[in-house]
């Protein structure tokens, strides 16, 4: 099956942002009087939009993320990004080797995606092809965002390959009828318990080194899709 589009998640895949974002999120939740262990936050919130996280907090703890918490998170996170955010190892060099059109489809807000890519030098690879969960009705694990990105890029879902690091993102890609690779090379993979959680979802492959991506893409092009 041809691969005509590679859709990258941003946080945890292109940029090593998840430990930074999770630290800020857990602190903001604690300011509302709700204590959540980091390991539980990784399990429940990784790869999800803030609106989805807020709804989950409302359902389970009776209090969504309030406006002051959201503003505090944004201010603190952006300051932390400017100080510590890095691209994942192998990027942007690996992107230069891919001969397939690429885009980003992330649960983050557009402003945060742009800042992440700009600070890490990755923005030129994706400018004009950045899609956010704020653009669709339902965030991951619903397929809406990936289907929207594919439609905007004029590529059939069956000819898309998604690179994801979260169970929610992998589930969304599978529901969209796309092939998906699980990336477990980010610094959050171990504390987030990602490898066993991702393995249980049976993505097309799992990898922990971005340098392996071009070969994985080439191998998938030669395989008949099993689903």
N, C-alpha and C. Protein backbone atom coordinates (compact mmCIF):
# COMPACT_ATOMS: atom_id res chain seq x y z
N UNK A 1 0.86 -1.19 0.00
CA UNK A 1 0.00 0.00 0.00
C UNK A 1 0.89 1.23 0.00
N UNK A 2 0.63 2.19 -0.84
CA UNK A 2 1.47 3.39 -0.86
C UNK A 2 1.31 4.21 0.41
N UNK A 3 2.37 4.87 0.81
CA UNK A 3 2.32 5.83 1.90
C UNK A 3 2.53 7.20 1.28
N UNK A 4 1.47 7.96 1.21
CA UNK A 4 1.51 9.27 0.55
C UNK A 4 1.58 10.43 1.53
N UNK A 5 1.43 10.13 2.83
CA UNK A 5 1.48 11.18 3.84
C UNK A 5 1.91 10.58 5.16
N UNK A 6 2.85 11.26 5.84
CA UNK A 6 3.26 10.88 7.19
C UNK A 6 2.75 11.95 8.14
N UNK A 7 1.93 11.52 9.10
CA UNK A 7 1.34 12.43 10.08
C UNK A 7 2.06 12.25 11.41
N UNK A 8 2.72 13.29 11.87
CA UNK A 8 3.44 13.25 13.13
C UNK A 8 2.62 13.87 14.25
N UNK A 9 2.54 13.17 15.37
CA UNK A 9 2.16 13.83 16.60
C UNK A 9 3.32 14.77 16.95
N UNK A 10 3.05 15.78 17.77
CA UNK A 10 4.11 16.73 18.14
C UNK A 10 4.73 16.39 19.48
N UNK A 11 3.97 16.54 20.55
CA UNK A 11 4.51 16.35 21.90
C UNK A 11 4.90 14.89 22.13
N UNK A 12 6.17 14.68 22.46
CA UNK A 12 6.65 13.34 22.72
C UNK A 12 7.19 12.63 21.50
N UNK A 13 6.84 13.10 20.31
CA UNK A 13 7.32 12.49 19.07
C UNK A 13 8.34 13.39 18.40
N UNK A 14 7.92 14.59 18.04
CA UNK A 14 8.86 15.54 17.44
C UNK A 14 9.68 16.25 18.51
N UNK A 15 9.05 16.62 19.60
CA UNK A 15 9.74 17.34 20.67
C UNK A 15 9.61 16.58 21.98
N UNK A 16 10.66 16.66 22.80
CA UNK A 16 10.68 15.93 24.07
C UNK A 16 10.04 16.79 25.15
N UNK A 17 8.74 16.99 25.00
CA UNK A 17 8.02 17.95 25.83
C UNK A 17 7.18 17.34 26.93
N UNK A 18 6.90 16.06 26.88
CA UNK A 18 5.91 15.49 27.79
C UNK A 18 6.28 15.61 29.27
N UNK A 19 7.55 15.37 29.66
CA UNK A 19 7.85 15.56 31.09
C UNK A 19 7.65 17.00 31.53
N UNK A 20 7.96 17.95 30.67
CA UNK A 20 7.77 19.36 31.01
C UNK A 20 6.27 19.67 31.14
N UNK A 21 5.49 19.24 30.15
CA UNK A 21 4.05 19.50 30.17
C UNK A 21 3.37 18.80 31.34
N UNK A 22 3.78 17.57 31.64
CA UNK A 22 3.15 16.83 32.73
C UNK A 22 3.46 17.47 34.08
N UNK A 23 4.67 17.98 34.23
CA UNK A 23 5.03 18.68 35.46
C UNK A 23 4.14 19.88 35.68
N UNK A 24 3.95 20.68 34.63
CA UNK A 24 3.12 21.88 34.74
C UNK A 24 1.66 21.51 34.98
N UNK A 25 1.18 20.47 34.29
CA UNK A 25 -0.22 20.05 34.45
C UNK A 25 -0.50 19.57 35.86
N UNK A 26 0.36 18.70 36.39
CA UNK A 26 0.15 18.18 37.75
C UNK A 26 0.17 19.31 38.77
N UNK A 27 1.07 20.28 38.58
CA UNK A 27 1.13 21.43 39.49
C UNK A 27 -0.15 22.26 39.42
N UNK A 28 -0.66 22.47 38.21
CA UNK A 28 -1.88 23.26 38.05
C UNK A 28 -3.08 22.56 38.68
N UNK A 29 -3.15 21.25 38.53
CA UNK A 29 -4.23 20.48 39.13
C UNK A 29 -4.14 20.54 40.66
N UNK A 30 -2.91 20.48 41.17
CA UNK A 30 -2.71 20.54 42.63
C UNK A 30 -3.16 21.88 43.19
N UNK A 31 -2.98 22.96 42.41
CA UNK A 31 -3.42 24.28 42.86
C UNK A 31 -4.94 24.36 43.02
N UNK A 32 -5.65 23.43 42.38
CA UNK A 32 -7.11 23.37 42.52
C UNK A 32 -7.53 22.42 43.64
N UNK A 33 -6.53 21.93 44.39
CA UNK A 33 -6.83 21.06 45.51
C UNK A 33 -6.98 19.60 45.15
N UNK A 34 -6.53 19.21 43.95
CA UNK A 34 -6.63 17.82 43.50
C UNK A 34 -5.22 17.26 43.37
N UNK A 35 -4.93 16.19 44.07
CA UNK A 35 -3.61 15.57 44.02
C UNK A 35 -3.65 14.35 43.11
N UNK A 36 -2.81 14.37 42.09
CA UNK A 36 -2.72 13.25 41.16
C UNK A 36 -1.26 12.85 41.04
N UNK A 37 -0.96 11.58 41.24
CA UNK A 37 0.41 11.09 41.13
C UNK A 37 0.87 11.20 39.68
N UNK A 38 2.15 11.51 39.46
CA UNK A 38 2.65 11.63 38.08
C UNK A 38 2.37 10.41 37.22
N UNK A 39 2.53 9.21 37.79
CA UNK A 39 2.29 8.00 36.99
C UNK A 39 0.83 7.89 36.57
N UNK A 40 -0.08 8.34 37.43
CA UNK A 40 -1.50 8.33 37.07
C UNK A 40 -1.80 9.39 36.01
N UNK A 41 -1.12 10.54 36.10
CA UNK A 41 -1.31 11.59 35.10
C UNK A 41 -0.84 11.11 33.74
N UNK A 42 0.30 10.44 33.67
CA UNK A 42 0.77 9.89 32.40
C UNK A 42 -0.25 8.91 31.83
N UNK A 43 -0.76 8.04 32.69
CA UNK A 43 -1.70 7.00 32.24
C UNK A 43 -3.00 7.61 31.72
N UNK A 44 -3.51 8.61 32.41
CA UNK A 44 -4.84 9.12 32.10
C UNK A 44 -4.87 10.28 31.12
N UNK A 45 -3.76 11.05 31.04
CA UNK A 45 -3.81 12.32 30.31
C UNK A 45 -2.89 12.38 29.11
N UNK A 46 -1.95 11.47 28.98
CA UNK A 46 -0.97 11.55 27.90
C UNK A 46 -1.65 11.50 26.53
N UNK A 47 -1.32 12.47 25.70
CA UNK A 47 -1.85 12.49 24.33
C UNK A 47 -3.23 13.09 24.19
N UNK A 48 -3.79 13.57 25.29
CA UNK A 48 -5.16 14.10 25.25
C UNK A 48 -5.15 15.63 25.27
N UNK A 49 -6.21 16.21 24.72
CA UNK A 49 -6.33 17.67 24.71
C UNK A 49 -6.68 18.18 26.10
N UNK A 50 -6.44 19.48 26.32
CA UNK A 50 -6.78 20.07 27.61
C UNK A 50 -8.28 20.00 27.88
N UNK A 51 -9.09 20.13 26.85
CA UNK A 51 -10.54 20.04 27.06
C UNK A 51 -10.94 18.64 27.52
N UNK A 52 -10.28 17.62 26.97
CA UNK A 52 -10.55 16.25 27.40
C UNK A 52 -10.07 16.01 28.82
N UNK A 53 -8.89 16.55 29.15
CA UNK A 53 -8.37 16.42 30.51
C UNK A 53 -9.29 17.13 31.50
N UNK A 54 -9.74 18.32 31.13
CA UNK A 54 -10.63 19.08 32.00
C UNK A 54 -11.93 18.32 32.24
N UNK A 55 -12.48 17.72 31.19
CA UNK A 55 -13.71 16.94 31.33
C UNK A 55 -13.50 15.74 32.25
N UNK A 56 -12.34 15.09 32.12
CA UNK A 56 -12.02 13.95 32.98
C UNK A 56 -11.91 14.37 34.44
N UNK A 57 -11.28 15.52 34.69
CA UNK A 57 -11.18 16.02 36.07
C UNK A 57 -12.56 16.34 36.63
N UNK A 58 -13.41 16.89 35.80
CA UNK A 58 -14.78 17.19 36.24
C UNK A 58 -15.53 15.92 36.60
N UNK A 59 -15.39 14.90 35.75
CA UNK A 59 -16.11 13.65 35.97
C UNK A 59 -15.61 12.91 37.21
N UNK A 60 -14.29 12.92 37.41
CA UNK A 60 -13.69 12.11 38.46
C UNK A 60 -13.43 12.85 39.77
N UNK A 61 -13.32 14.18 39.68
CA UNK A 61 -12.98 14.94 40.89
C UNK A 61 -13.92 16.11 41.14
N UNK A 62 -14.89 16.32 40.25
CA UNK A 62 -15.87 17.37 40.46
C UNK A 62 -15.40 18.77 40.17
N UNK A 63 -14.23 18.90 39.53
CA UNK A 63 -13.70 20.25 39.24
C UNK A 63 -12.89 20.22 37.96
N UNK A 64 -13.34 20.92 36.92
CA UNK A 64 -12.55 21.01 35.68
C UNK A 64 -11.38 21.97 35.88
N UNK A 65 -10.52 22.06 34.89
CA UNK A 65 -9.46 23.05 34.92
C UNK A 65 -10.09 24.44 34.75
N UNK A 66 -9.95 25.28 35.74
CA UNK A 66 -10.53 26.61 35.68
C UNK A 66 -9.72 27.55 34.82
N UNK A 67 -10.28 28.71 34.48
CA UNK A 67 -9.58 29.68 33.62
C UNK A 67 -8.23 30.11 34.19
N UNK A 68 -8.15 30.32 35.51
CA UNK A 68 -6.88 30.75 36.10
C UNK A 68 -5.83 29.65 36.00
N UNK A 69 -6.26 28.40 36.17
CA UNK A 69 -5.33 27.28 36.05
C UNK A 69 -4.82 27.15 34.62
N UNK A 70 -5.71 27.33 33.66
CA UNK A 70 -5.31 27.23 32.26
C UNK A 70 -4.33 28.34 31.89
N UNK A 71 -4.58 29.55 32.36
CA UNK A 71 -3.67 30.65 32.05
C UNK A 71 -2.32 30.45 32.73
N UNK A 72 -2.34 29.98 33.97
CA UNK A 72 -1.11 29.71 34.69
C UNK A 72 -0.30 28.62 33.99
N UNK A 73 -0.99 27.59 33.54
CA UNK A 73 -0.32 26.50 32.82
C UNK A 73 0.36 27.03 31.57
N UNK A 74 -0.35 27.84 30.81
CA UNK A 74 0.19 28.35 29.55
C UNK A 74 1.44 29.19 29.81
N UNK A 75 1.36 30.08 30.79
CA UNK A 75 2.50 30.95 31.10
C UNK A 75 3.70 30.15 31.58
N UNK A 76 3.46 29.23 32.52
CA UNK A 76 4.56 28.45 33.08
C UNK A 76 5.16 27.49 32.06
N UNK A 77 4.28 26.89 31.23
CA UNK A 77 4.77 25.93 30.26
C UNK A 77 5.62 26.60 29.19
N UNK A 78 5.17 27.73 28.69
CA UNK A 78 5.93 28.41 27.65
C UNK A 78 7.28 28.87 28.17
N UNK A 79 7.33 29.33 29.41
CA UNK A 79 8.61 29.73 30.01
C UNK A 79 9.53 28.53 30.13
N UNK A 80 8.99 27.40 30.53
CA UNK A 80 9.78 26.18 30.66
C UNK A 80 10.25 25.69 29.30
N UNK A 81 9.38 25.79 28.30
CA UNK A 81 9.76 25.40 26.94
C UNK A 81 10.96 26.23 26.46
N UNK A 82 10.89 27.52 26.66
CA UNK A 82 11.97 28.39 26.18
C UNK A 82 13.29 28.08 26.87
N UNK A 83 13.21 27.52 28.04
CA UNK A 83 14.42 27.19 28.78
C UNK A 83 14.94 25.79 28.46
N UNK A 84 14.02 24.81 28.28
CA UNK A 84 14.45 23.41 28.29
C UNK A 84 14.00 22.56 27.11
N UNK A 85 13.10 23.04 26.26
CA UNK A 85 12.55 22.17 25.21
C UNK A 85 13.60 21.82 24.17
N UNK A 86 13.62 20.54 23.78
CA UNK A 86 14.53 20.05 22.75
C UNK A 86 13.77 19.15 21.78
N UNK A 87 14.26 19.08 20.54
CA UNK A 87 13.74 18.08 19.60
C UNK A 87 14.21 16.71 20.05
N UNK A 88 13.46 15.68 19.71
CA UNK A 88 13.90 14.33 20.03
C UNK A 88 15.14 13.98 19.22
N UNK A 89 16.02 13.15 19.77
CA UNK A 89 17.27 12.79 19.09
C UNK A 89 17.01 12.26 17.68
N UNK A 90 17.82 12.75 16.74
CA UNK A 90 17.69 12.34 15.34
C UNK A 90 16.97 13.35 14.49
N UNK A 91 16.28 14.29 15.13
CA UNK A 91 15.56 15.33 14.40
C UNK A 91 16.34 16.64 14.49
N UNK A 92 16.35 17.45 13.43
CA UNK A 92 15.57 17.36 12.19
C UNK A 92 16.22 16.53 11.09
N UNK A 93 17.39 15.92 11.35
CA UNK A 93 18.12 15.23 10.29
C UNK A 93 17.27 14.16 9.61
N UNK A 94 16.51 13.40 10.42
CA UNK A 94 15.70 12.32 9.84
C UNK A 94 14.63 12.88 8.92
N UNK A 95 14.06 14.02 9.26
CA UNK A 95 13.03 14.62 8.41
C UNK A 95 13.58 14.96 7.03
N UNK A 96 14.85 15.32 6.98
CA UNK A 96 15.46 15.64 5.69
C UNK A 96 15.59 14.41 4.80
N UNK A 97 15.57 13.22 5.41
CA UNK A 97 15.73 11.98 4.64
C UNK A 97 14.40 11.43 4.11
N UNK A 98 13.30 11.88 4.69
CA UNK A 98 12.00 11.38 4.26
C UNK A 98 11.59 12.06 2.95
N UNK A 99 11.18 11.28 2.01
CA UNK A 99 10.78 11.82 0.71
C UNK A 99 9.27 11.85 0.54
N UNK A 100 8.56 11.79 1.66
CA UNK A 100 7.10 11.76 1.67
C UNK A 100 6.57 13.04 2.30
N UNK A 101 5.49 13.62 1.78
CA UNK A 101 4.90 14.79 2.44
C UNK A 101 4.56 14.49 3.89
N UNK A 102 4.76 15.48 4.75
CA UNK A 102 4.53 15.32 6.18
C UNK A 102 3.64 16.44 6.71
N UNK A 103 2.95 16.16 7.81
CA UNK A 103 2.21 17.18 8.52
C UNK A 103 2.21 16.83 10.00
N UNK A 104 1.70 17.74 10.81
CA UNK A 104 1.58 17.53 12.25
C UNK A 104 0.10 17.52 12.62
N UNK A 105 -0.29 16.57 13.48
CA UNK A 105 -1.64 16.52 14.03
C UNK A 105 -1.51 16.28 15.52
N UNK A 106 -1.77 17.33 16.31
CA UNK A 106 -1.47 17.29 17.73
C UNK A 106 -2.68 17.68 18.57
N UNK A 107 -2.73 17.15 19.79
CA UNK A 107 -3.80 17.52 20.72
C UNK A 107 -3.59 18.92 21.29
N UNK A 108 -2.41 19.49 21.13
CA UNK A 108 -2.13 20.81 21.67
C UNK A 108 -2.82 21.91 20.85
N UNK A 109 -2.88 23.09 21.45
CA UNK A 109 -3.42 24.25 20.74
C UNK A 109 -2.43 24.71 19.68
N UNK A 110 -2.89 25.35 18.61
CA UNK A 110 -1.98 25.77 17.53
C UNK A 110 -0.82 26.62 18.02
N UNK A 111 -1.08 27.52 18.94
CA UNK A 111 -0.02 28.40 19.45
C UNK A 111 1.11 27.59 20.08
N UNK A 112 0.75 26.57 20.84
CA UNK A 112 1.75 25.73 21.51
C UNK A 112 2.52 24.88 20.50
N UNK A 113 1.82 24.36 19.50
CA UNK A 113 2.50 23.57 18.47
C UNK A 113 3.53 24.43 17.74
N UNK A 114 3.12 25.62 17.32
CA UNK A 114 4.02 26.51 16.59
C UNK A 114 5.24 26.87 17.44
N UNK A 115 5.01 27.17 18.73
CA UNK A 115 6.13 27.52 19.60
C UNK A 115 7.08 26.34 19.75
N UNK A 116 6.54 25.15 19.94
CA UNK A 116 7.37 23.96 20.10
C UNK A 116 8.25 23.73 18.88
N UNK A 117 7.66 23.83 17.70
CA UNK A 117 8.41 23.58 16.47
C UNK A 117 9.40 24.70 16.19
N UNK A 118 9.02 25.93 16.53
CA UNK A 118 9.92 27.06 16.31
C UNK A 118 11.15 26.97 17.21
N UNK A 119 10.94 26.68 18.49
CA UNK A 119 12.04 26.62 19.44
C UNK A 119 13.02 25.50 19.12
N UNK A 120 12.54 24.43 18.50
CA UNK A 120 13.39 23.28 18.21
C UNK A 120 13.91 23.25 16.77
N UNK A 121 13.58 24.28 15.99
CA UNK A 121 14.07 24.34 14.62
C UNK A 121 13.35 23.44 13.64
N UNK A 122 12.20 22.92 14.03
CA UNK A 122 11.47 21.98 13.16
C UNK A 122 10.38 22.64 12.34
N UNK A 123 10.07 23.89 12.63
CA UNK A 123 8.93 24.55 11.98
C UNK A 123 9.02 24.57 10.46
N UNK A 124 10.19 24.80 9.84
CA UNK A 124 10.25 24.82 8.37
C UNK A 124 9.78 23.53 7.71
N UNK A 125 9.85 22.41 8.42
CA UNK A 125 9.42 21.13 7.85
C UNK A 125 7.90 20.99 7.80
N UNK A 126 7.19 21.81 8.59
CA UNK A 126 5.75 21.61 8.72
C UNK A 126 4.92 22.88 8.54
N UNK A 127 5.55 24.00 8.28
CA UNK A 127 4.81 25.26 8.16
C UNK A 127 3.70 25.13 7.12
N UNK A 128 2.50 25.54 7.51
CA UNK A 128 1.35 25.44 6.63
C UNK A 128 0.63 24.11 6.68
N UNK A 129 1.19 23.16 7.42
CA UNK A 129 0.60 21.82 7.51
C UNK A 129 0.56 21.37 8.97
N UNK A 130 -0.04 22.20 9.80
CA UNK A 130 -0.12 21.94 11.24
C UNK A 130 -1.60 21.92 11.64
N UNK A 131 -2.02 20.83 12.26
CA UNK A 131 -3.42 20.64 12.60
C UNK A 131 -3.55 20.33 14.10
N UNK A 132 -4.54 20.95 14.71
CA UNK A 132 -4.73 20.88 16.15
C UNK A 132 -6.09 20.28 16.49
N UNK A 133 -6.17 19.66 17.66
CA UNK A 133 -7.45 19.12 18.12
C UNK A 133 -8.50 20.21 18.27
N UNK A 134 -8.06 21.47 18.38
CA UNK A 134 -9.02 22.57 18.46
C UNK A 134 -9.79 22.77 17.16
N UNK A 135 -9.35 22.11 16.09
CA UNK A 135 -9.98 22.26 14.78
C UNK A 135 -11.08 21.22 14.53
N UNK A 136 -11.26 20.28 15.46
CA UNK A 136 -12.26 19.22 15.26
C UNK A 136 -13.13 19.10 16.50
N UNK A 137 -14.21 18.35 16.37
CA UNK A 137 -15.16 18.23 17.49
C UNK A 137 -14.62 17.35 18.61
N UNK A 138 -13.94 16.27 18.24
CA UNK A 138 -13.51 15.28 19.22
C UNK A 138 -12.01 15.03 19.11
N UNK A 139 -11.31 15.12 20.24
CA UNK A 139 -9.88 14.86 20.25
C UNK A 139 -9.57 13.37 20.33
N UNK A 140 -8.29 13.04 20.29
CA UNK A 140 -7.86 11.65 20.43
C UNK A 140 -8.36 11.12 21.77
N UNK A 141 -8.84 9.88 21.83
CA UNK A 141 -8.68 8.77 20.88
C UNK A 141 -9.70 8.71 19.75
N UNK A 142 -10.55 9.70 19.59
CA UNK A 142 -11.42 9.74 18.41
C UNK A 142 -10.56 9.97 17.17
N UNK A 143 -10.99 9.51 16.01
CA UNK A 143 -10.18 9.63 14.79
C UNK A 143 -10.26 10.98 14.11
N UNK A 144 -11.09 11.89 14.63
CA UNK A 144 -11.42 13.13 13.93
C UNK A 144 -10.20 13.92 13.45
N UNK A 145 -9.22 14.10 14.32
CA UNK A 145 -8.08 14.95 13.98
C UNK A 145 -7.27 14.36 12.83
N UNK A 146 -7.02 13.07 12.87
CA UNK A 146 -6.24 12.45 11.80
C UNK A 146 -7.01 12.46 10.48
N UNK A 147 -8.29 12.24 10.54
CA UNK A 147 -9.10 12.30 9.32
C UNK A 147 -9.13 13.71 8.76
N UNK A 148 -9.18 14.69 9.64
CA UNK A 148 -9.17 16.09 9.20
C UNK A 148 -7.84 16.42 8.54
N UNK A 149 -6.74 16.01 9.15
CA UNK A 149 -5.42 16.28 8.57
C UNK A 149 -5.29 15.63 7.19
N UNK A 150 -5.75 14.40 7.07
CA UNK A 150 -5.67 13.71 5.78
C UNK A 150 -6.50 14.43 4.72
N UNK A 151 -7.69 14.89 5.10
CA UNK A 151 -8.54 15.58 4.13
C UNK A 151 -7.91 16.90 3.70
N UNK A 152 -7.29 17.61 4.64
CA UNK A 152 -6.65 18.88 4.31
C UNK A 152 -5.43 18.68 3.41
N UNK A 153 -4.78 17.53 3.56
CA UNK A 153 -3.61 17.21 2.75
C UNK A 153 -3.99 16.46 1.47
N UNK A 154 -5.30 16.18 1.30
CA UNK A 154 -5.83 15.52 0.09
C UNK A 154 -5.24 14.12 -0.10
N UNK A 155 -5.19 13.37 1.00
CA UNK A 155 -4.68 12.00 0.96
C UNK A 155 -5.70 11.07 1.60
N UNK A 156 -5.95 9.92 1.00
CA UNK A 156 -6.88 8.95 1.57
C UNK A 156 -6.33 8.40 2.88
N UNK A 157 -7.18 8.16 3.88
CA UNK A 157 -6.69 7.62 5.16
C UNK A 157 -5.86 6.35 5.03
N UNK A 158 -6.24 5.47 4.12
CA UNK A 158 -5.50 4.22 3.96
C UNK A 158 -4.07 4.44 3.48
N UNK A 159 -3.78 5.61 2.93
CA UNK A 159 -2.44 5.91 2.43
C UNK A 159 -1.66 6.82 3.38
N UNK A 160 -2.12 6.91 4.63
CA UNK A 160 -1.45 7.71 5.64
C UNK A 160 -0.73 6.82 6.64
N UNK A 161 0.38 7.31 7.13
CA UNK A 161 1.12 6.67 8.21
C UNK A 161 1.25 7.67 9.35
N UNK A 162 0.84 7.25 10.55
CA UNK A 162 0.88 8.12 11.73
C UNK A 162 2.04 7.70 12.63
N UNK A 163 2.75 8.69 13.18
CA UNK A 163 3.80 8.44 14.15
C UNK A 163 3.31 8.97 15.49
N UNK A 164 3.10 8.08 16.44
CA UNK A 164 2.47 8.43 17.71
C UNK A 164 3.23 7.84 18.90
N UNK A 165 3.05 8.47 20.06
CA UNK A 165 3.72 7.98 21.26
C UNK A 165 2.74 7.65 22.38
N UNK A 166 1.45 7.88 22.18
CA UNK A 166 0.48 7.66 23.26
C UNK A 166 -0.56 6.63 22.85
N UNK A 167 -1.08 5.88 23.82
CA UNK A 167 -2.17 4.95 23.52
C UNK A 167 -3.37 5.66 22.90
N UNK A 168 -3.70 6.86 23.38
CA UNK A 168 -4.83 7.58 22.80
C UNK A 168 -4.59 7.90 21.34
N UNK A 169 -3.37 8.32 20.99
CA UNK A 169 -3.05 8.65 19.61
C UNK A 169 -3.02 7.44 18.70
N UNK A 170 -2.49 6.34 19.20
CA UNK A 170 -2.46 5.11 18.39
C UNK A 170 -3.87 4.61 18.15
N UNK A 171 -4.71 4.65 19.16
CA UNK A 171 -6.11 4.25 19.00
C UNK A 171 -6.81 5.13 17.97
N UNK A 172 -6.54 6.44 18.02
CA UNK A 172 -7.16 7.37 17.07
C UNK A 172 -6.74 7.04 15.64
N UNK A 173 -5.46 6.75 15.43
CA UNK A 173 -4.97 6.42 14.09
C UNK A 173 -5.62 5.14 13.58
N UNK A 174 -5.71 4.14 14.43
CA UNK A 174 -6.33 2.88 14.02
C UNK A 174 -7.80 3.07 13.69
N UNK A 175 -8.49 3.87 14.47
CA UNK A 175 -9.90 4.13 14.18
C UNK A 175 -10.08 4.92 12.89
N UNK A 176 -9.05 5.67 12.51
CA UNK A 176 -9.10 6.42 11.26
C UNK A 176 -8.76 5.54 10.06
N UNK A 177 -8.39 4.29 10.29
CA UNK A 177 -8.04 3.39 9.19
C UNK A 177 -6.66 3.64 8.64
N UNK A 178 -5.76 4.16 9.47
CA UNK A 178 -4.40 4.49 9.05
C UNK A 178 -3.40 3.52 9.68
N UNK A 179 -2.28 3.34 9.00
CA UNK A 179 -1.18 2.63 9.63
C UNK A 179 -0.53 3.54 10.67
N UNK A 180 0.07 2.92 11.68
CA UNK A 180 0.61 3.72 12.78
C UNK A 180 1.85 3.04 13.36
N UNK A 181 2.86 3.86 13.64
CA UNK A 181 4.07 3.41 14.32
C UNK A 181 4.08 3.99 15.73
N UNK A 182 4.40 3.17 16.71
CA UNK A 182 4.49 3.62 18.09
C UNK A 182 5.91 3.99 18.43
N UNK A 183 6.13 5.26 18.78
CA UNK A 183 7.47 5.74 19.14
C UNK A 183 7.61 5.75 20.66
N UNK A 184 8.64 5.06 21.16
CA UNK A 184 8.85 4.95 22.61
C UNK A 184 10.25 5.43 22.98
N UNK A 185 10.78 6.38 22.22
CA UNK A 185 12.13 6.87 22.47
C UNK A 185 12.18 8.16 23.26
N UNK A 186 11.04 8.74 23.61
CA UNK A 186 11.03 9.97 24.38
C UNK A 186 11.39 9.71 25.84
N UNK A 187 11.82 10.76 26.54
CA UNK A 187 12.24 10.58 27.93
C UNK A 187 11.07 10.24 28.85
N UNK A 188 9.84 10.40 28.35
CA UNK A 188 8.67 10.07 29.16
C UNK A 188 8.22 8.63 28.99
N UNK A 189 8.86 7.86 28.11
CA UNK A 189 8.38 6.52 27.79
C UNK A 189 8.39 5.60 29.00
N UNK A 190 9.47 5.63 29.76
CA UNK A 190 9.56 4.75 30.93
C UNK A 190 8.63 5.17 32.05
N UNK A 191 8.67 6.44 32.51
CA UNK A 191 7.73 6.81 33.59
C UNK A 191 6.27 6.71 33.16
N UNK A 192 6.02 6.85 31.87
CA UNK A 192 4.65 6.75 31.38
C UNK A 192 4.19 5.32 31.13
N UNK A 193 5.10 4.35 31.29
CA UNK A 193 4.75 2.95 31.03
C UNK A 193 4.27 2.73 29.61
N UNK A 194 4.91 3.40 28.64
CA UNK A 194 4.37 3.42 27.29
C UNK A 194 4.55 2.12 26.53
N UNK A 195 5.72 1.49 26.65
CA UNK A 195 5.94 0.32 25.79
C UNK A 195 4.90 -0.77 25.99
N UNK A 196 4.61 -1.23 27.22
CA UNK A 196 3.57 -2.27 27.34
C UNK A 196 2.19 -1.79 26.92
N UNK A 197 1.88 -0.53 27.20
CA UNK A 197 0.56 0.00 26.81
C UNK A 197 0.43 0.07 25.30
N UNK A 198 1.51 0.48 24.62
CA UNK A 198 1.49 0.57 23.16
C UNK A 198 1.53 -0.82 22.53
N UNK A 199 2.32 -1.71 23.10
CA UNK A 199 2.40 -3.08 22.57
C UNK A 199 1.02 -3.74 22.57
N UNK A 200 0.24 -3.49 23.60
CA UNK A 200 -1.08 -4.10 23.71
C UNK A 200 -2.03 -3.64 22.61
N UNK A 201 -1.72 -2.51 21.96
CA UNK A 201 -2.58 -1.98 20.90
C UNK A 201 -2.17 -2.48 19.51
N UNK A 202 -1.05 -3.18 19.41
CA UNK A 202 -0.60 -3.79 18.15
C UNK A 202 -0.47 -2.79 17.00
N UNK A 203 0.33 -1.74 17.18
CA UNK A 203 0.61 -0.87 16.03
C UNK A 203 1.41 -1.63 14.98
N UNK A 204 1.61 -1.02 13.83
CA UNK A 204 2.32 -1.71 12.75
C UNK A 204 3.78 -1.97 13.10
N UNK A 205 4.36 -1.16 13.95
CA UNK A 205 5.71 -1.38 14.47
C UNK A 205 5.91 -0.47 15.66
N UNK A 206 6.88 -0.81 16.50
CA UNK A 206 7.28 0.00 17.64
C UNK A 206 8.77 0.28 17.50
N UNK A 207 9.17 1.54 17.72
CA UNK A 207 10.59 1.86 17.60
C UNK A 207 10.98 2.91 18.63
N UNK A 208 12.26 2.96 18.97
CA UNK A 208 12.72 3.90 19.99
C UNK A 208 13.87 4.78 19.50
N UNK A 209 14.16 4.74 18.22
CA UNK A 209 15.25 5.54 17.65
C UNK A 209 14.75 6.16 16.35
N UNK A 210 14.69 7.49 16.32
CA UNK A 210 14.19 8.18 15.13
C UNK A 210 15.01 7.87 13.88
N UNK A 211 16.27 7.50 14.07
CA UNK A 211 17.11 7.18 12.91
C UNK A 211 16.57 5.97 12.14
N UNK A 212 15.75 5.16 12.81
CA UNK A 212 15.19 3.96 12.17
C UNK A 212 13.97 4.29 11.31
N UNK A 213 13.43 5.49 11.43
CA UNK A 213 12.16 5.81 10.76
C UNK A 213 12.21 5.68 9.24
N UNK A 214 13.22 6.21 8.54
CA UNK A 214 13.21 6.07 7.08
C UNK A 214 13.15 4.62 6.62
N UNK A 215 13.88 3.73 7.28
CA UNK A 215 13.83 2.32 6.90
C UNK A 215 12.48 1.70 7.21
N UNK A 216 11.86 2.10 8.32
CA UNK A 216 10.53 1.58 8.64
C UNK A 216 9.51 2.01 7.60
N UNK A 217 9.60 3.24 7.16
CA UNK A 217 8.67 3.72 6.14
C UNK A 217 8.87 2.93 4.85
N UNK A 218 10.12 2.72 4.47
CA UNK A 218 10.38 1.95 3.24
C UNK A 218 9.85 0.52 3.36
N UNK A 219 10.01 -0.10 4.54
CA UNK A 219 9.54 -1.48 4.69
C UNK A 219 8.02 -1.56 4.64
N UNK A 220 7.34 -0.57 5.21
CA UNK A 220 5.88 -0.59 5.18
C UNK A 220 5.35 -0.40 3.77
N UNK A 221 6.08 0.32 2.96
CA UNK A 221 5.64 0.52 1.58
C UNK A 221 5.61 -0.80 0.80
N UNK A 222 6.42 -1.75 1.22
CA UNK A 222 6.52 -3.01 0.48
C UNK A 222 5.62 -4.09 1.06
N UNK A 223 4.96 -3.79 2.16
CA UNK A 223 4.11 -4.79 2.80
C UNK A 223 2.66 -4.53 2.46
N UNK A 224 1.90 -5.57 2.26
CA UNK A 224 0.47 -5.46 2.08
C UNK A 224 -0.17 -5.27 3.44
N UNK A 225 -1.03 -4.30 3.56
CA UNK A 225 -1.66 -4.03 4.84
C UNK A 225 -2.48 -5.23 5.28
N UNK A 226 -2.29 -5.63 6.54
CA UNK A 226 -2.93 -6.85 7.04
C UNK A 226 -4.35 -6.62 7.50
N UNK A 227 -4.69 -5.36 7.80
CA UNK A 227 -6.04 -5.14 8.33
C UNK A 227 -7.09 -5.18 7.23
